[in-house]
């Protein structure tokens, strides 16, 4: 059995080399492959990803859902592992995912902690141990069998934002979902570019819009207006 790590990128030259090399080193090439799906970077992301050993694809849409679906279609692994470019997975991710699969879980994620010592961010991280959908998100990374991913139709490309929440809700209706009791390391850059309160308010507003079935284009415009962040 093999794991295919799929990373969507847009101007991530600062982090992509280290991430690709880390995944390949921890997983070994016989157990993992890394697929980077770029959404139109104008920096050196593509070149750096190729040089680091990733299989690089270019998507004609700057949309995580489209990028991740493209990567999943090309994946050779029986298990898919979706990782954001500014996240560092647990060093034990191969063993963790295989163990969850052996326990009968077809999908799951990790808890997370930020690369920051700020108390408010530690409080945020604490809540990722709970099962509520509000405590989920793509930053926690997500593993899923390729079979289940296909059965539920993959990411819904209608969602140009909140695509991870939609997918997780559909997973939970069809399979067992495990929150692995270990942390991935998430960049705090969103909070460094904005205040903690500003990010919390923006997250809450867009989450409530999602629950009320607002159009994704409107949710995305709202989020981008509220934050200085992609």
C-alpha atoms as a PDB file:
ATOM      1  CA  UNK A   1       0.000   0.000   0.000  1.00  0.00           C
ATOM      2  CA  UNK A   2       1.238   3.465  -0.898  1.00  0.00           C
ATOM      3  CA  UNK A   3       0.432   6.996   0.239  1.00  0.00           C
ATOM      4  CA  UNK A   4       0.186   9.833  -2.271  1.00  0.00           C
ATOM      5  CA  UNK A   5       0.734  13.226  -0.633  1.00  0.00           C
ATOM      6  CA  UNK A   6      -0.969  15.976  -2.622  1.00  0.00           C
ATOM      7  CA  UNK A   7      -0.021  19.620  -2.052  1.00  0.00           C
ATOM      8  CA  UNK A   8      -1.867  22.562  -3.670  1.00  0.00           C
ATOM      9  CA  UNK A   9       0.364  25.595  -4.162  1.00  0.00           C
ATOM     10  CA  UNK A  10       0.277  29.241  -5.150  1.00  0.00           C
ATOM     11  CA  UNK A  11       3.489  31.214  -4.635  1.00  0.00           C
ATOM     12  CA  UNK A  12       4.904  28.942  -1.917  1.00  0.00           C
ATOM     13  CA  UNK A  13       8.611  29.051  -2.827  1.00  0.00           C
ATOM     14  CA  UNK A  14       9.589  29.738   0.785  1.00  0.00           C
ATOM     15  CA  UNK A  15       8.209  26.443   2.096  1.00  0.00           C
ATOM     16  CA  UNK A  16       7.721  23.950  -0.731  1.00  0.00           C
ATOM     17  CA  UNK A  17      11.247  22.537  -0.925  1.00  0.00           C
ATOM     18  CA  UNK A  18      11.451  21.722   2.752  1.00  0.00           C
ATOM     19  CA  UNK A  19       7.977  20.210   2.790  1.00  0.00           C
ATOM     20  CA  UNK A  20       8.520  17.941  -0.209  1.00  0.00           C
ATOM     21  CA  UNK A  21      11.872  16.728   1.084  1.00  0.00           C
ATOM     22  CA  UNK A  22      10.429  16.111   4.555  1.00  0.00           C
ATOM     23  CA  UNK A  23       7.552  13.995   3.240  1.00  0.00           C
ATOM     24  CA  UNK A  24       9.809  11.950   0.980  1.00  0.00           C
ATOM     25  CA  UNK A  25      12.362  11.440   3.738  1.00  0.00           C
ATOM     26  CA  UNK A  26       9.840  10.413   6.403  1.00  0.00           C
ATOM     27  CA  UNK A  27       7.813   8.234   4.075  1.00  0.00           C
ATOM     28  CA  UNK A  28      10.587   6.878   1.858  1.00  0.00           C
ATOM     29  CA  UNK A  29       9.963   6.828  -1.919  1.00  0.00           C
ATOM     30  CA  UNK A  30       8.699   3.224  -1.801  1.00  0.00           C
ATOM     31  CA  UNK A  31       5.853   4.211   0.533  1.00  0.00           C
ATOM     32  CA  UNK A  32       5.032   7.745  -0.576  1.00  0.00           C
ATOM     33  CA  UNK A  33       4.889   9.971  -3.610  1.00  0.00           C
ATOM     34  CA  UNK A  34       4.495  13.733  -3.548  1.00  0.00           C
ATOM     35  CA  UNK A  35       2.290  15.475  -6.090  1.00  0.00           C
ATOM     36  CA  UNK A  36       2.410  19.276  -6.155  1.00  0.00           C
ATOM     37  CA  UNK A  37      -0.463  20.885  -8.037  1.00  0.00           C
ATOM     38  CA  UNK A  38       0.237  24.531  -8.752  1.00  0.00           C
ATOM     39  CA  UNK A  39      -2.466  27.090  -9.336  1.00  0.00           C
ATOM     40  CA  UNK A  40      -0.440  29.610 -11.336  1.00  0.00           C
ATOM     41  CA  UNK A  41       2.493  30.679  -9.191  1.00  0.00           C
ATOM     42  CA  UNK A  42       4.547  33.656 -10.344  1.00  0.00           C
ATOM     43  CA  UNK A  43       7.540  32.792  -8.153  1.00  0.00           C
ATOM     44  CA  UNK A  44       9.849  29.744  -8.118  1.00  0.00           C
ATOM     45  CA  UNK A  45       7.382  27.307  -6.540  1.00  0.00           C
ATOM     46  CA  UNK A  46       7.181  24.989  -9.562  1.00  0.00           C
ATOM     47  CA  UNK A  47      10.932  24.859 -10.142  1.00  0.00           C
ATOM     48  CA  UNK A  48      11.682  24.284  -6.458  1.00  0.00           C
ATOM     49  CA  UNK A  49       9.056  21.530  -6.177  1.00  0.00           C
ATOM     50  CA  UNK A  50      10.483  19.701  -9.198  1.00  0.00           C
ATOM     51  CA  UNK A  51      14.023  20.012  -7.879  1.00  0.00           C
ATOM     52  CA  UNK A  52      12.916  18.531  -4.555  1.00  0.00           C
ATOM     53  CA  UNK A  53      11.554  15.356  -6.127  1.00  0.00           C
ATOM     54  CA  UNK A  54       7.847  16.107  -6.474  1.00  0.00           C
ATOM     55  CA  UNK A  55       5.683  15.221  -9.424  1.00  0.00           C
ATOM     56  CA  UNK A  56       4.487  18.685 -10.436  1.00  0.00           C
ATOM     57  CA  UNK A  57       1.261  19.467 -12.227  1.00  0.00           C
ATOM     58  CA  UNK A  58      -0.182  22.842 -13.229  1.00  0.00           C
ATOM     59  CA  UNK A  59      -3.909  23.416 -12.842  1.00  0.00           C
ATOM     60  CA  UNK A  60      -5.722  25.882 -15.068  1.00  0.00           C
ATOM     61  CA  UNK A  61      -7.700  27.118 -12.055  1.00  0.00           C
ATOM     62  CA  UNK A  62      -6.442  28.808  -8.897  1.00  0.00           C
ATOM     63  CA  UNK A  63      -8.781  26.777  -6.721  1.00  0.00           C
ATOM     64  CA  UNK A  64      -7.773  24.283  -4.052  1.00  0.00           C
ATOM     65  CA  UNK A  65     -10.693  21.980  -4.853  1.00  0.00           C
ATOM     66  CA  UNK A  66      -9.720  21.812  -8.540  1.00  0.00           C
ATOM     67  CA  UNK A  67      -6.032  21.456  -7.752  1.00  0.00           C
ATOM     68  CA  UNK A  68      -6.599  18.675  -5.238  1.00  0.00           C
ATOM     69  CA  UNK A  69      -8.923  16.760  -7.553  1.00  0.00           C
ATOM     70  CA  UNK A  70      -6.342  16.967 -10.322  1.00  0.00           C
ATOM     71  CA  UNK A  71      -3.677  15.592  -8.007  1.00  0.00           C
ATOM     72  CA  UNK A  72      -5.948  12.814  -6.759  1.00  0.00           C
ATOM     73  CA  UNK A  73      -6.709  11.713 -10.314  1.00  0.00           C
ATOM     74  CA  UNK A  74      -2.972  11.347 -11.002  1.00  0.00           C
ATOM     75  CA  UNK A  75      -2.142   9.640  -7.695  1.00  0.00           C
ATOM     76  CA  UNK A  76      -0.785   6.074  -7.685  1.00  0.00           C
ATOM     77  CA  UNK A  77      -1.367   5.497  -3.973  1.00  0.00           C
ATOM     78  CA  UNK A  78      -4.303   3.689  -2.440  1.00  0.00           C
ATOM     79  CA  UNK A  79      -4.299   6.343   0.303  1.00  0.00           C
ATOM     80  CA  UNK A  80      -4.440  10.066  -0.443  1.00  0.00           C
ATOM     81  CA  UNK A  81      -2.925  12.585   1.972  1.00  0.00           C
ATOM     82  CA  UNK A  82      -3.830  16.236   1.357  1.00  0.00           C
ATOM     83  CA  UNK A  83      -1.337  18.687   2.846  1.00  0.00           C
ATOM     84  CA  UNK A  84      -1.288  22.495   2.682  1.00  0.00           C
ATOM     85  CA  UNK A  85       2.022  24.035   1.694  1.00  0.00           C
ATOM     86  CA  UNK A  86       2.474  25.944   4.971  1.00  0.00           C
ATOM     87  CA  UNK A  87       1.964  22.867   7.167  1.00  0.00           C
ATOM     88  CA  UNK A  88       4.572  20.386   8.414  1.00  0.00           C
ATOM     89  CA  UNK A  89       3.126  16.867   8.903  1.00  0.00           C
ATOM     90  CA  UNK A  90       3.959  14.665  11.860  1.00  0.00           C
ATOM     91  CA  UNK A  91       7.146  12.698  11.277  1.00  0.00           C
ATOM     92  CA  UNK A  92       5.182   9.513  11.943  1.00  0.00           C
ATOM     93  CA  UNK A  93       2.481  10.235   9.372  1.00  0.00           C
ATOM     94  CA  UNK A  94       3.009   6.988   7.413  1.00  0.00           C
ATOM     95  CA  UNK A  95       2.654   4.780  10.488  1.00  0.00           C
ATOM     96  CA  UNK A  96      -0.224   6.875  11.821  1.00  0.00           C
ATOM     97  CA  UNK A  97      -2.242   6.682   8.610  1.00  0.00           C
ATOM     98  CA  UNK A  98      -1.613   2.974   8.128  1.00  0.00           C
ATOM     99  CA  UNK A  99      -2.610   2.311  11.754  1.00  0.00           C
ATOM    100  CA  UNK A 100      -5.859   4.274  11.349  1.00  0.00           C
ATOM    101  CA  UNK A 101      -6.604   2.331   8.174  1.00  0.00           C
ATOM    102  CA  UNK A 102      -6.012  -0.981   9.942  1.00  0.00           C
ATOM    103  CA  UNK A 103      -8.432   0.152  12.647  1.00  0.00           C
ATOM    104  CA  UNK A 104     -11.119   0.547  10.004  1.00  0.00           C
ATOM    105  CA  UNK A 105     -10.951   4.287   9.395  1.00  0.00           C
ATOM    106  CA  UNK A 106     -11.158   5.258   5.725  1.00  0.00           C
ATOM    107  CA  UNK A 107     -10.393   8.907   6.431  1.00  0.00           C
ATOM    108  CA  UNK A 108      -9.161  11.256   9.102  1.00  0.00           C
ATOM    109  CA  UNK A 109      -6.971  14.181  10.055  1.00  0.00           C
ATOM    110  CA  UNK A 110      -4.616  15.402  12.780  1.00  0.00           C
ATOM    111  CA  UNK A 111      -4.856  17.966  15.514  1.00  0.00           C
ATOM    112  CA  UNK A 112      -2.598  20.952  15.001  1.00  0.00           C
ATOM    113  CA  UNK A 113      -0.427  23.456  16.778  1.00  0.00           C
ATOM    114  CA  UNK A 114       0.960  26.735  15.459  1.00  0.00           C
ATOM    115  CA  UNK A 115       4.628  27.601  15.040  1.00  0.00           C
ATOM    116  CA  UNK A 116       4.065  30.315  17.626  1.00  0.00           C
ATOM    117  CA  UNK A 117       4.172  30.473  21.407  1.00  0.00           C
ATOM    118  CA  UNK A 118       1.281  32.952  21.704  1.00  0.00           C
ATOM    119  CA  UNK A 119      -1.315  31.857  24.245  1.00  0.00           C
ATOM    120  CA  UNK A 120      -4.354  32.639  22.084  1.00  0.00           C
ATOM    121  CA  UNK A 121      -3.022  30.435  19.292  1.00  0.00           C
ATOM    122  CA  UNK A 122      -2.408  27.636  21.786  1.00  0.00           C
ATOM    123  CA  UNK A 123      -6.064  27.935  22.804  1.00  0.00           C
ATOM    124  CA  UNK A 124      -7.112  27.732  19.152  1.00  0.00           C
ATOM    125  CA  UNK A 125      -5.001  24.615  18.718  1.00  0.00           C
ATOM    126  CA  UNK A 126      -6.539  22.937  21.758  1.00  0.00           C
ATOM    127  CA  UNK A 127      -9.967  22.832  20.120  1.00  0.00           C
ATOM    128  CA  UNK A 128      -8.739  20.764  17.167  1.00  0.00           C
ATOM    129  CA  UNK A 129      -8.939  17.649  19.355  1.00  0.00           C
ATOM    130  CA  UNK A 130     -12.750  17.816  19.367  1.00  0.00           C
ATOM    131  CA  UNK A 131     -14.979  16.150  16.722  1.00  0.00           C
ATOM    132  CA  UNK A 132     -17.211  19.131  15.824  1.00  0.00           C
ATOM    133  CA  UNK A 133     -17.056  20.272  12.189  1.00  0.00           C
ATOM    134  CA  UNK A 134     -16.204  23.805  13.326  1.00  0.00           C
ATOM    135  CA  UNK A 135     -12.965  22.386  14.764  1.00  0.00           C
ATOM    136  CA  UNK A 136     -11.880  20.942  11.417  1.00  0.00           C
ATOM    137  CA  UNK A 137     -10.072  22.466   8.436  1.00  0.00           C
ATOM    138  CA  UNK A 138      -7.568  21.764   5.707  1.00  0.00           C
ATOM    139  CA  UNK A 139      -4.636  22.924   7.831  1.00  0.00           C
ATOM    140  CA  UNK A 140      -4.995  19.732   9.877  1.00  0.00           C
ATOM    141  CA  UNK A 141      -4.095  17.707   6.765  1.00  0.00           C
ATOM    142  CA  UNK A 142      -6.512  15.017   5.589  1.00  0.00           C
ATOM    143  CA  UNK A 143      -6.048  11.377   4.671  1.00  0.00           C
ATOM    144  CA  UNK A 144      -8.655   9.353   2.771  1.00  0.00           C
ATOM    145  CA  UNK A 145      -8.655   6.135   0.808  1.00  0.00           C
ATOM    146  CA  UNK A 146      -8.719   6.687  -2.915  1.00  0.00           C
ATOM    147  CA  UNK A 147     -11.708   4.366  -3.079  1.00  0.00           C
ATOM    148  CA  UNK A 148     -13.769   6.468  -0.641  1.00  0.00           C
ATOM    149  CA  UNK A 149     -12.644   9.685  -2.308  1.00  0.00           C
ATOM    150  CA  UNK A 150     -13.955   8.347  -5.616  1.00  0.00           C
ATOM    151  CA  UNK A 151     -17.196   7.045  -4.101  1.00  0.00           C
ATOM    152  CA  UNK A 152     -18.167  10.405  -2.648  1.00  0.00           C
ATOM    153  CA  UNK A 153     -17.114  12.379  -5.725  1.00  0.00           C
ATOM    154  CA  UNK A 154     -13.923  14.039  -4.473  1.00  0.00           C
ATOM    155  CA  UNK A 155     -13.807  17.739  -3.702  1.00  0.00           C
ATOM    156  CA  UNK A 156     -16.818  19.687  -4.907  1.00  0.00           C
ATOM    157  CA  UNK A 157     -15.323  22.272  -7.264  1.00  0.00           C
ATOM    158  CA  UNK A 158     -18.340  24.511  -6.674  1.00  0.00           C
ATOM    159  CA  UNK A 159     -16.569  25.487  -3.453  1.00  0.00           C
ATOM    160  CA  UNK A 160     -13.764  27.954  -4.096  1.00  0.00           C
ATOM    161  CA  UNK A 161     -13.498  28.266  -0.318  1.00  0.00           C
ATOM    162  CA  UNK A 162     -14.603  25.902   2.494  1.00  0.00           C
ATOM    163  CA  UNK A 163     -14.022  22.919   0.199  1.00  0.00           C
ATOM    164  CA  UNK A 164     -12.429  20.974   3.039  1.00  0.00           C
ATOM    165  CA  UNK A 165     -15.459  21.365   5.321  1.00  0.00           C
ATOM    166  CA  UNK A 166     -17.795  20.166   2.583  1.00  0.00           C
ATOM    167  CA  UNK A 167     -15.629  17.107   1.922  1.00  0.00           C
ATOM    168  CA  UNK A 168     -15.308  16.179   5.590  1.00  0.00           C
ATOM    169  CA  UNK A 169     -19.062  16.413   6.108  1.00  0.00           C
ATOM    170  CA  UNK A 170     -19.624  14.039   3.192  1.00  0.00           C
ATOM    171  CA  UNK A 171     -16.943  11.680   4.506  1.00  0.00           C
ATOM    172  CA  UNK A 172     -18.624  11.540   7.915  1.00  0.00           C
ATOM    173  CA  UNK A 173     -21.926  10.567   6.306  1.00  0.00           C
ATOM    174  CA  UNK A 174     -20.294   7.626   4.531  1.00  0.00           C
ATOM    175  CA  UNK A 175     -17.393   6.358   6.644  1.00  0.00           C
ATOM    176  CA  UNK A 176     -15.607   6.423   9.984  1.00  0.00           C
ATOM    177  CA  UNK A 177     -13.438   9.516  10.480  1.00  0.00           C
ATOM    178  CA  UNK A 178     -10.519   9.626  12.915  1.00  0.00           C
ATOM    179  CA  UNK A 179      -8.823  12.635  14.481  1.00  0.00           C
ATOM    180  CA  UNK A 180      -5.299  11.295  15.093  1.00  0.00           C
ATOM    181  CA  UNK A 181      -4.153  12.425  18.572  1.00  0.00           C
ATOM    182  CA  UNK A 182      -0.936  14.008  17.325  1.00  0.00           C
ATOM    183  CA  UNK A 183      -0.145  17.461  15.988  1.00  0.00           C
ATOM    184  CA  UNK A 184       0.870  18.816  12.623  1.00  0.00           C
ATOM    185  CA  UNK A 185       2.704  22.153  12.701  1.00  0.00           C
ATOM    186  CA  UNK A 186       0.835  25.045  11.085  1.00  0.00           C
ATOM    187  CA  UNK A 187       2.286  28.399  10.064  1.00  0.00           C
ATOM    188  CA  UNK A 188       0.925  31.338  12.055  1.00  0.00           C
ATOM    189  CA  UNK A 189       1.501  33.707   9.120  1.00  0.00           C
ATOM    190  CA  UNK A 190      -2.224  34.483   8.766  1.00  0.00           C
ATOM    191  CA  UNK A 191      -2.223  35.776  12.350  1.00  0.00           C
ATOM    192  CA  UNK A 192       1.056  37.640  11.861  1.00  0.00           C
ATOM    193  CA  UNK A 193      -0.415  39.539   8.900  1.00  0.00           C
ATOM    194  CA  UNK A 194      -3.632  40.288  10.776  1.00  0.00           C
ATOM    195  CA  UNK A 195      -4.689  40.485  14.413  1.00  0.00           C
ATOM    196  CA  UNK A 196      -5.913  37.376  16.256  1.00  0.00           C
ATOM    197  CA  UNK A 197      -9.364  38.937  16.650  1.00  0.00           C
ATOM    198  CA  UNK A 198      -9.577  39.886  12.997  1.00  0.00           C
ATOM    199  CA  UNK A 199      -8.845  36.316  11.883  1.00  0.00           C
ATOM    200  CA  UNK A 200     -11.308  34.850  14.387  1.00  0.00           C
ATOM    201  CA  UNK A 201     -14.092  37.155  13.249  1.00  0.00           C
ATOM    202  CA  UNK A 202     -13.389  36.443   9.572  1.00  0.00           C
ATOM    203  CA  UNK A 203     -13.364  32.689  10.187  1.00  0.00           C
ATOM    204  CA  UNK A 204     -16.627  32.823  12.108  1.00  0.00           C
ATOM    205  CA  UNK A 205     -18.373  35.005   9.531  1.00  0.00           C
ATOM    206  CA  UNK A 206     -17.427  32.765   6.619  1.00  0.00           C
ATOM    207  CA  UNK A 207     -18.237  29.590   8.559  1.00  0.00           C
ATOM    208  CA  UNK A 208     -21.729  30.917   9.301  1.00  0.00           C
ATOM    209  CA  UNK A 209     -22.133  31.898   5.643  1.00  0.00           C
ATOM    210  CA  UNK A 210     -21.181  28.339   4.709  1.00  0.00           C
ATOM    211  CA  UNK A 211     -23.774  26.878   7.069  1.00  0.00           C
ATOM    212  CA  UNK A 212     -26.394  29.210   5.556  1.00  0.00           C
ATOM    213  CA  UNK A 213     -25.478  28.063   2.021  1.00  0.00           C
ATOM    214  CA  UNK A 214     -24.144  31.344   0.692  1.00  0.00           C
ATOM    215  CA  UNK A 215     -22.520  31.129  -2.730  1.00  0.00           C
ATOM    216  CA  UNK A 216     -18.788  30.343  -2.459  1.00  0.00           C
ATOM    217  CA  UNK A 217     -17.852  33.344  -4.602  1.00  0.00           C
ATOM    218  CA  UNK A 218     -19.540  35.621  -2.081  1.00  0.00           C
ATOM    219  CA  UNK A 219     -17.902  33.826   0.854  1.00  0.00           C
ATOM    220  CA  UNK A 220     -14.500  34.155  -0.775  1.00  0.00           C
ATOM    221  CA  UNK A 221     -14.945  37.872  -1.511  1.00  0.00           C
ATOM    222  CA  UNK A 222     -16.014  38.451   2.080  1.00  0.00           C
ATOM    223  CA  UNK A 223     -13.013  36.569   3.466  1.00  0.00           C
ATOM    224  CA  UNK A 224     -10.549  38.403   1.230  1.00  0.00           C
ATOM    225  CA  UNK A 225     -11.999  41.766   2.204  1.00  0.00           C
ATOM    226  CA  UNK A 226     -11.713  40.977   5.891  1.00  0.00           C
ATOM    227  CA  UNK A 227      -8.156  39.626   5.837  1.00  0.00           C
ATOM    228  CA  UNK A 228      -4.799  40.502   4.347  1.00  0.00           C
ATOM    229  CA  UNK A 229      -4.231  36.926   3.286  1.00  0.00           C
ATOM    230  CA  UNK A 230      -4.900  34.561   0.387  1.00  0.00           C
END
